[in-house]
Structure formats: structure tokens, C-alpha cells
C-alpha atoms as a PDB file:
ATOM      1  CA  MET A   1      33.230  35.936   8.588  1.00  0.00           C
ATOM      2  CA  LYS A   2      30.169  36.430   9.175  1.00  0.00           C
ATOM      3  CA  PRO A   3      27.813  34.543  11.783  1.00  0.00           C
ATOM      4  CA  LYS A   4      25.910  33.433   8.963  1.00  0.00           C
ATOM      5  CA  LEU A   5      28.029  31.590   6.988  1.00  0.00           C
ATOM      6  CA  THR A   6      30.405  30.510  10.040  1.00  0.00           C
ATOM      7  CA  LYS A   7      27.159  28.579  11.124  1.00  0.00           C
ATOM      8  CA  ASN A   8      26.723  27.209   7.978  1.00  0.00           C
ATOM      9  CA  LEU A   9      30.244  26.083   7.719  1.00  0.00           C
ATOM     10  CA  ILE A  10      29.535  24.666  11.060  1.00  0.00           C
ATOM     11  CA  GLU A  11      26.806  22.010   9.881  1.00  0.00           C
ATOM     12  CA  PHE A  12      28.630  21.474   6.935  1.00  0.00           C
ATOM     13  CA  SER A  13      31.534  19.932   9.141  1.00  0.00           C
ATOM     14  CA  LYS A  14      29.105  18.206  11.096  1.00  0.00           C
ATOM     15  CA  THR A  15      27.378  16.380   8.040  1.00  0.00           C
ATOM     16  CA  LYS A  16      31.187  15.349   7.136  1.00  0.00           C
ATOM     17  CA  LEU A  17      31.503  13.593  10.461  1.00  0.00           C
ATOM     18  CA  ILE A  18      28.503  11.090  10.428  1.00  0.00           C
ATOM     19  CA  SER A  19      29.465   8.282   8.464  1.00  0.00           C
ATOM     20  CA  GLU A  20      27.841   6.004   5.409  1.00  0.00           C
ATOM     21  CA  ARG A  21      27.653   3.271   7.021  1.00  0.00           C
ATOM     22  CA  ARG A  22      26.058   5.523   9.932  1.00  0.00           C
ATOM     23  CA  ARG A  23      23.477   6.935   8.024  1.00  0.00           C
ATOM     24  CA  VAL A  24      22.502   3.060   6.607  1.00  0.00           C
ATOM     25  CA  LEU A  25      21.589   1.857   9.847  1.00  0.00           C
ATOM     26  CA  GLU A  26      19.761   4.692  11.309  1.00  0.00           C
ATOM     27  CA  ILE A  27      17.673   4.554   8.023  1.00  0.00           C
ATOM     28  CA  THR A  28      17.867   0.767   8.385  1.00  0.00           C
ATOM     29  CA  GLY A  29      17.219   1.608  12.208  1.00  0.00           C
ATOM     30  CA  VAL A  30      13.667   3.255  10.824  1.00  0.00           C
ATOM     31  CA  VAL A  31      12.265   0.664   8.309  1.00  0.00           C
ATOM     32  CA  ILE A  32      12.897  -1.840  11.451  1.00  0.00           C
ATOM     33  CA  THR A  33      10.690   0.502  13.376  1.00  0.00           C
ATOM     34  CA  ALA A  34       8.823   0.842  11.044  1.00  0.00           C
ATOM     35  CA  ILE A  35       7.410  -2.562  10.108  1.00  0.00           C
ATOM     36  CA  GLY A  36       7.133  -3.350  14.241  1.00  0.00           C
ATOM     37  CA  LYS A  37       4.358  -1.220  13.833  1.00  0.00           C
ATOM     38  CA  PHE A  38       2.492  -3.751  11.696  1.00  0.00           C
ATOM     39  CA  ILE A  39       3.701  -6.693  14.079  1.00  0.00           C
ATOM     40  CA  PHE A  40       2.262  -4.825  17.165  1.00  0.00           C
ATOM     41  CA  MET A  41       0.092  -2.309  16.420  1.00  0.00           C
ATOM     42  CA  ASP A  42      -2.280  -4.122  13.994  1.00  0.00           C
ATOM     43  CA  ILE A  43      -1.546  -8.161  14.940  1.00  0.00           C
ATOM     44  CA  LEU A  44      -1.083  -8.050  18.329  1.00  0.00           C
ATOM     45  CA  ASP A  45      -3.439  -4.453  19.051  1.00  0.00           C
ATOM     46  CA  TRP A  46      -0.506  -3.103  21.492  1.00  0.00           C
ATOM     47  CA  ARG A  47      -0.696  -0.092  19.956  1.00  0.00           C
ATOM     48  CA  LEU A  48       0.139   2.040  23.376  1.00  0.00           C
ATOM     49  CA  PRO A  49       3.111  -0.276  24.472  1.00  0.00           C
ATOM     50  CA  TYR A  50       4.838   0.209  20.797  1.00  0.00           C
ATOM     51  CA  VAL A  51       4.296   4.207  21.267  1.00  0.00           C
ATOM     52  CA  VAL A  52       5.291   3.866  23.903  1.00  0.00           C
ATOM     53  CA  PHE A  53       8.735   1.928  24.021  1.00  0.00           C
ATOM     54  CA  ALA A  54       9.689   3.440  20.630  1.00  0.00           C
ATOM     55  CA  VAL A  55       9.810   6.649  21.829  1.00  0.00           C
ATOM     56  CA  LEU A  56      11.654   5.900  24.384  1.00  0.00           C
ATOM     57  CA  ALA A  57      14.350   3.702  22.492  1.00  0.00           C
ATOM     58  CA  TRP A  58      14.677   7.190  20.062  1.00  0.00           C
ATOM     59  CA  GLY A  59      14.939   9.248  22.768  1.00  0.00           C
ATOM     60  CA  ILE A  60      17.681   7.007  24.246  1.00  0.00           C
ATOM     61  CA  TYR A  61      19.063   7.864  20.650  1.00  0.00           C
ATOM     62  CA  VAL A  62      18.781  10.822  20.517  1.00  0.00           C
ATOM     63  CA  TYR A  63      19.927  11.711  24.409  1.00  0.00           C
ATOM     64  CA  HIS A  64      23.137   9.187  23.383  1.00  0.00           C
ATOM     65  CA  CYS A  65      24.514  11.030  20.763  1.00  0.00           C
ATOM     66  CA  ALA A  66      23.939  14.489  22.095  1.00  0.00           C
ATOM     67  CA  LYS A  67      25.773  13.685  24.814  1.00  0.00           C
ATOM     68  CA  LYS A  68      28.571  12.490  22.374  1.00  0.00           C
ATOM     69  CA  GLU A  69      28.737  15.400  19.491  1.00  0.00           C
ATOM     70  CA  GLN A  70      28.132  18.745  20.041  1.00  0.00           C
ATOM     71  CA  GLY A  71      25.567  20.023  17.920  1.00  0.00           C
ATOM     72  CA  ILE A  72      24.071  17.424  16.655  1.00  0.00           C
ATOM     73  CA  LEU A  73      20.529  18.333  17.787  1.00  0.00           C
ATOM     74  CA  LYS A  74      21.038  21.405  15.917  1.00  0.00           C
ATOM     75  CA  TYR A  75      21.311  19.178  13.319  1.00  0.00           C
ATOM     76  CA  TRP A  76      18.979  16.926  13.196  1.00  0.00           C
ATOM     77  CA  GLY A  77      16.187  20.055  14.203  1.00  0.00           C
ATOM     78  CA  PHE A  78      15.903  20.209  17.365  1.00  0.00           C
ATOM     79  CA  ARG A  79      16.073  24.069  17.671  1.00  0.00           C
ATOM     80  CA  MET A  80      14.636  26.702  18.760  1.00  0.00           C
ATOM     81  CA  ASP A  81      16.507  29.834  17.407  1.00  0.00           C
ATOM     82  CA  ASN A  82      14.399  28.929  14.173  1.00  0.00           C
ATOM     83  CA  PHE A  83      10.646  28.344  15.191  1.00  0.00           C
ATOM     84  CA  LYS A  84       9.268  31.304  14.083  1.00  0.00           C
ATOM     85  CA  VAL A  85      10.632  31.222  10.147  1.00  0.00           C
ATOM     86  CA  ALA A  86       9.717  27.328  10.599  1.00  0.00           C
ATOM     87  CA  LEU A  87       6.123  28.541  11.764  1.00  0.00           C
ATOM     88  CA  LYS A  88       5.317  30.739   9.035  1.00  0.00           C
ATOM     89  CA  PHE A  89       7.144  27.895   7.074  1.00  0.00           C
ATOM     90  CA  ILE A  90       4.350  26.097   7.971  1.00  0.00           C
ATOM     91  CA  ALA A  91       1.654  27.877   9.004  1.00  0.00           C
ATOM     92  CA  PRO A  92      -0.613  28.465   5.281  1.00  0.00           C
ATOM     93  CA  PHE A  93      -0.159  24.335   4.952  1.00  0.00           C
ATOM     94  CA  VAL A  94      -2.012  24.155   8.534  1.00  0.00           C
ATOM     95  CA  LEU A  95      -4.860  26.210   8.050  1.00  0.00           C
ATOM     96  CA  VAL A  96      -5.060  24.553   4.224  1.00  0.00           C
ATOM     97  CA  ALA A  97      -4.936  21.179   5.713  1.00  0.00           C
ATOM     98  CA  ILE A  98      -7.934  22.185   8.840  1.00  0.00           C
ATOM     99  CA  ILE A  99     -10.191  23.747   6.392  1.00  0.00           C
ATOM    100  CA  GLY A 100      -9.725  20.529   4.153  1.00  0.00           C
ATOM    101  CA  PHE A 101     -10.660  18.375   7.421  1.00  0.00           C
ATOM    102  CA  LEU A 102     -13.822  20.097   7.906  1.00  0.00           C
ATOM    103  CA  ALA A 103     -15.133  20.017   4.397  1.00  0.00           C
ATOM    104  CA  ILE A 104     -14.665  16.461   4.601  1.00  0.00           C
ATOM    105  CA  GLY A 105     -15.897  15.749   7.449  1.00  0.00           C
ATOM    106  CA  TYR A 106     -18.967  17.634   7.298  1.00  0.00           C
ATOM    107  CA  ILE A 107     -20.098  15.815   3.284  1.00  0.00           C
ATOM    108  CA  GLN A 108     -18.850  12.471   5.142  1.00  0.00           C
ATOM    109  CA  GLY A 109     -21.380  13.575   7.830  1.00  0.00           C
ATOM    110  CA  THR A 110     -18.807  12.022  10.283  1.00  0.00           C
ATOM    111  CA  LEU A 111     -17.711  15.236  12.359  1.00  0.00           C
ATOM    112  CA  ASN A 112     -17.097  13.944  15.591  1.00  0.00           C
ATOM    113  CA  PHE A 113     -15.619  16.249  18.020  1.00  0.00           C
ATOM    114  CA  THR A 114     -15.660  14.947  21.412  1.00  0.00           C
ATOM    115  CA  TRP A 115     -13.317  16.173  24.996  1.00  0.00           C
ATOM    116  CA  HIS A 116     -11.148  13.108  24.340  1.00  0.00           C
ATOM    117  CA  ILE A 117      -9.234  15.105  21.879  1.00  0.00           C
ATOM    118  CA  LEU A 118      -7.950  17.668  24.565  1.00  0.00           C
ATOM    119  CA  PRO A 119      -6.120  14.811  25.578  1.00  0.00           C
ATOM    120  CA  LEU A 120      -4.517  13.690  22.359  1.00  0.00           C
ATOM    121  CA  LEU A 121      -3.375  17.446  21.697  1.00  0.00           C
ATOM    122  CA  ILE A 122      -1.338  17.727  24.566  1.00  0.00           C
ATOM    123  CA  THR A 123       0.231  13.566  23.876  1.00  0.00           C
ATOM    124  CA  TYR A 124       0.329  13.279  20.061  1.00  0.00           C
ATOM    125  CA  PRO A 125       2.062  16.336  19.778  1.00  0.00           C
ATOM    126  CA  ILE A 126       5.502  14.112  21.321  1.00  0.00           C
ATOM    127  CA  TRP A 127       4.199  10.682  18.763  1.00  0.00           C
ATOM    128  CA  GLY A 128       4.723  13.672  16.267  1.00  0.00           C
ATOM    129  CA  SER A 129       7.651  14.752  16.641  1.00  0.00           C
ATOM    130  CA  ILE A 130       9.639  11.094  16.886  1.00  0.00           C
ATOM    131  CA  GLN A 131       8.035  10.197  13.534  1.00  0.00           C
ATOM    132  CA  GLN A 132       9.009  13.105  11.683  1.00  0.00           C
ATOM    133  CA  PHE A 133      12.879  13.019  13.893  1.00  0.00           C
ATOM    134  CA  LEU A 134      12.182   9.206  12.005  1.00  0.00           C
ATOM    135  CA  THR A 135      11.075   9.498   8.400  1.00  0.00           C
ATOM    136  CA  ILE A 136      12.387  13.233   7.947  1.00  0.00           C
ATOM    137  CA  GLY A 137      14.717  13.836   9.811  1.00  0.00           C
ATOM    138  CA  LEU A 138      16.620  10.252   9.453  1.00  0.00           C
ATOM    139  CA  ILE A 139      14.755   8.988   6.278  1.00  0.00           C
ATOM    140  CA  ALA A 140      15.016  12.061   4.185  1.00  0.00           C
ATOM    141  CA  GLY A 141      17.672  13.755   5.591  1.00  0.00           C
ATOM    142  CA  ASN A 142      20.053  10.925   4.667  1.00  0.00           C
ATOM    143  CA  LEU A 143      18.754  10.002   1.852  1.00  0.00           C
ATOM    144  CA  ASN A 144      19.923  13.326   0.766  1.00  0.00           C
ATOM    145  CA  HIS A 145      23.697  13.128   2.341  1.00  0.00           C
ATOM    146  CA  LEU A 146      23.842   9.952   0.821  1.00  0.00           C
ATOM    147  CA  LYS A 147      23.729  11.225  -2.996  1.00  0.00           C
ATOM    148  CA  VAL A 148      19.860  10.814  -3.287  1.00  0.00           C
ATOM    149  CA  LYS A 149      18.326  13.053  -5.639  1.00  0.00           C
ATOM    150  CA  LYS A 150      16.617  15.796  -2.478  1.00  0.00           C
ATOM    151  CA  THR A 151      13.167  15.078  -5.000  1.00  0.00           C
ATOM    152  CA  VAL A 152      13.288  10.969  -5.148  1.00  0.00           C
ATOM    153  CA  ALA A 153      14.180  11.169  -0.960  1.00  0.00           C
ATOM    154  CA  ILE A 154      10.850  13.935  -0.525  1.00  0.00           C
ATOM    155  CA  ILE A 155       9.103  10.971  -2.781  1.00  0.00           C
ATOM    156  CA  LEU A 156      10.502   7.461  -1.630  1.00  0.00           C
ATOM    157  CA  THR A 157      10.443   9.035   1.925  1.00  0.00           C
ATOM    158  CA  ALA A 158       6.347   9.635   1.551  1.00  0.00           C
ATOM    159  CA  LEU A 159       5.381   6.824   0.190  1.00  0.00           C
ATOM    160  CA  LEU A 160       7.230   4.473   3.434  1.00  0.00           C
ATOM    161  CA  PHE A 161       5.457   6.954   5.314  1.00  0.00           C
ATOM    162  CA  SER A 162       2.237   6.274   3.595  1.00  0.00           C
ATOM    163  CA  VAL A 163       2.541   2.509   3.587  1.00  0.00           C
ATOM    164  CA  VAL A 164       2.895   2.446   7.361  1.00  0.00           C
ATOM    165  CA  HIS A 165      -0.703   3.581   7.329  1.00  0.00           C
ATOM    166  CA  TYR A 166      -1.971   1.081   5.975  1.00  0.00           C
ATOM    167  CA  PRO A 167      -5.060   0.018   5.149  1.00  0.00           C
ATOM    168  CA  SER A 168      -6.213   2.871   6.041  1.00  0.00           C
ATOM    169  CA  ILE A 169      -6.619   4.621   2.930  1.00  0.00           C
ATOM    170  CA  TRP A 170      -7.561   7.741   4.095  1.00  0.00           C
ATOM    171  CA  LEU A 171      -4.622   8.196   6.570  1.00  0.00           C
ATOM    172  CA  MET A 172      -2.507   6.853   3.765  1.00  0.00           C
ATOM    173  CA  ILE A 173      -3.770  10.088   1.388  1.00  0.00           C
ATOM    174  CA  GLY A 174      -3.314  12.291   4.259  1.00  0.00           C
ATOM    175  CA  THR A 175       0.142  11.086   5.347  1.00  0.00           C
ATOM    176  CA  PHE A 176       1.681  11.019   1.881  1.00  0.00           C
ATOM    177  CA  ILE A 177       0.699  14.574   1.284  1.00  0.00           C
ATOM    178  CA  LEU A 178       2.339  15.773   4.228  1.00  0.00           C
ATOM    179  CA  ALA A 179       6.085  13.720   4.028  1.00  0.00           C
ATOM    180  CA  LEU A 180       5.755  15.055   0.962  1.00  0.00           C
ATOM    181  CA  PHE A 181       5.328  19.182   2.761  1.00  0.00           C
ATOM    182  CA  TYR A 182       7.195  18.082   5.276  1.00  0.00           C
ATOM    183  CA  GLY A 183      10.273  17.126   3.287  1.00  0.00           C
ATOM    184  CA  PHE A 184      10.233  19.693   0.830  1.00  0.00           C
ATOM    185  CA  MET A 185      10.227  21.597   4.430  1.00  0.00           C
ATOM    186  CA  TYR A 186      12.395  19.973   5.918  1.00  0.00           C
ATOM    187  CA  LEU A 187      15.330  20.855   3.331  1.00  0.00           C
ATOM    188  CA  LYS A 188      14.632  24.332   4.154  1.00  0.00           C
ATOM    189  CA  VAL A 189      13.860  24.919   7.636  1.00  0.00           C
ATOM    190  CA  LYS A 190      15.244  22.411  10.194  1.00  0.00           C
ATOM    191  CA  ASN A 191      12.499  22.275  13.618  1.00  0.00           C
ATOM    192  CA  ILE A 192      11.081  19.234  14.080  1.00  0.00           C
ATOM    193  CA  TYR A 193       9.251  21.203  17.051  1.00  0.00           C
ATOM    194  CA  VAL A 194       7.408  22.861  14.797  1.00  0.00           C
ATOM    195  CA  MET A 195       6.222  19.608  12.730  1.00  0.00           C
ATOM    196  CA  GLY A 196       6.006  17.527  15.008  1.00  0.00           C
ATOM    197  CA  ILE A 197       3.275  20.314  17.506  1.00  0.00           C
ATOM    198  CA  CYS A 198       1.619  20.530  13.684  1.00  0.00           C
ATOM    199  CA  HIS A 199       1.812  16.607  12.404  1.00  0.00           C
ATOM    200  CA  GLY A 200       0.159  15.478  16.704  1.00  0.00           C
ATOM    201  CA  TRP A 201      -2.553  18.701  15.968  1.00  0.00           C
ATOM    202  CA  LEU A 202      -3.205  17.726  12.226  1.00  0.00           C
ATOM    203  CA  GLY A 203      -3.061  14.043  13.029  1.00  0.00           C
ATOM    204  CA  ALA A 204      -5.890  14.475  16.211  1.00  0.00           C
ATOM    205  CA  LEU A 205      -8.652  16.665  14.322  1.00  0.00           C
ATOM    206  CA  PHE A 206      -8.100  14.111  10.958  1.00  0.00           C
ATOM    207  CA  TYR A 207      -9.194  11.148  13.951  1.00  0.00           C
ATOM    208  CA  TYR A 208     -12.442  13.457  15.004  1.00  0.00           C
ATOM    209  CA  THR A 209     -13.357  14.835  11.520  1.00  0.00           C
ATOM    210  CA  VAL A 210     -12.362  12.424   8.782  1.00  0.00           C
ATOM    211  CA  LEU A 211     -11.958   8.347   9.934  1.00  0.00           C
ATOM    212  CA  ASN A 212     -15.074   9.484  12.647  1.00  0.00           C
ATOM    213  CA  GLN A 213     -12.759   6.886  15.173  1.00  0.00           C
ATOM    214  CA  ASP A 214     -11.767   8.060  18.829  1.00  0.00           C
ATOM    215  CA  PRO A 215      -8.321   7.706  19.385  1.00  0.00           C
ATOM    216  CA  PHE A 216      -8.521   8.115  22.649  1.00  0.00           C
ATOM    217  CA  GLN A 217     -11.190   5.613  23.450  1.00  0.00           C
ATOM    218  CA  ASP A 218      -9.096   3.299  21.636  1.00  0.00           C
ATOM    219  CA  ILE A 219      -5.882   3.052  22.896  1.00  0.00           C
ATOM    220  CA  PHE A 220      -6.358   4.515  26.426  1.00  0.00           C
ATOM    221  CA  MET A 221      -9.890   4.015  28.030  1.00  0.00           C
ATOM    222  CA  LYS A 222      -9.418   0.390  27.306  1.00  0.00           C
ATOM    223  CA  TYR A 223      -7.064   0.507  30.375  1.00  0.00           C
ATOM    224  CA  PHE A 224      -9.257   1.315  32.972  1.00  0.00           C
ATOM    225  CA  THR A 225     -12.260  -0.270  31.556  1.00  0.00           C
END
């Protein structure tokens, strides 16, 4: 048997070990996390505590599953063996997105480059990876295995990801497009690391070009002033 076929059979057997009930519970958990965003970030303005808690909570879940189920990390997309393939797949999209951000920022007069973007380029990919794991991995991935058509699963995921970024119209548009592409990519080349890194970098650049906002100042600096 060819190695590639063996890997495919292993991955296929892994999907069978995940029950429909668990998939529904994971989707429910993501929806609850999304609702928490409106409560803790939008209403209470606890942005940093919310993000830290979400990263830790879902990180513990991933760690717990990895300890119990061999191969689950690779199945979800936490893998390095296809890193270059995923990077080549996403590169054209990232390039077009960056050019688009700069063009929109120039036209709007909202280009706002500052050294504050540097810490975000380092930290944001962590949060970006969690977001991609939740929305694309657990929503689109589970919906796909729950017999929902791929196109429908991707569109539903993109809509959820977009709505979570309400009330910013620009963010809703940007995240909808991002999730559409990422959903299509994930069902072809699973790599959360590449998706998370690019999500973090594009997200940081989006704030300082299109939105003319400084999330570093808004989130971190208030704790030091």
C-alpha cells in the first residue's frame, strides 16, 4: 500500500472515531464563545481577559484531546508536514489582500503605520490560530462531516465569522471574504498554523490601514497608563 493512501485511511478512520454528538457539542462550544465576544468584548470591554481566557480554555481542550487521541492534532490541521504546500496555496490570496488594504487605506487616508504593529505581528497569530481552529476547523470541518454540503458549510461558517465582528462593517466584509477562502482551503489543505499566522498578520495590517485603529493602544497600553 502506498504511504499516501495509508495516511488517507488513517485520517478517514479518525473521522469515524468522532461521534456526531461530539461534533455538535464542539460547534455549540464555538457558538457560545462567539456570544461571549459580544458580552465581554463589546459590552464589558474586557477584550484582553476574554481573549486570554478563550485561548487558554480552547488550548486546554486541544491538549486534552491530543493526550487521549493519537492523530487528532494532525486531523485538525495542527501539522508541519504540509506547511510549504499550505503556504504556497495561501500566498496569492495574502498578496492580493495586502495590496487591497494598502490601496483602500491610501484612498481613505487611513494609513496609520506605527511601531505598535510589531507586537501584534508576534502575538496576533496565536489568537488568529485559535480563531481559525474554532471557526474553520470545528465549524466548517464538523459541518462537512455532518453531511452538510461543502459550499453550504463554508458559507455558514463565513457568515458566523462575519457576524462575530459586528458592528464594524469593514471587519465584517473582510472576515467574510477571509473565511470563504479559508474554508475552501481547509477542506483541501489542512494547516491551522499557516492560516493562523496569515490571519494574525493580515488582521494587524487591516487595523492600521483600512480601519485606522490602534488595537495595541486600545488593548494593552491602558494597563500601563
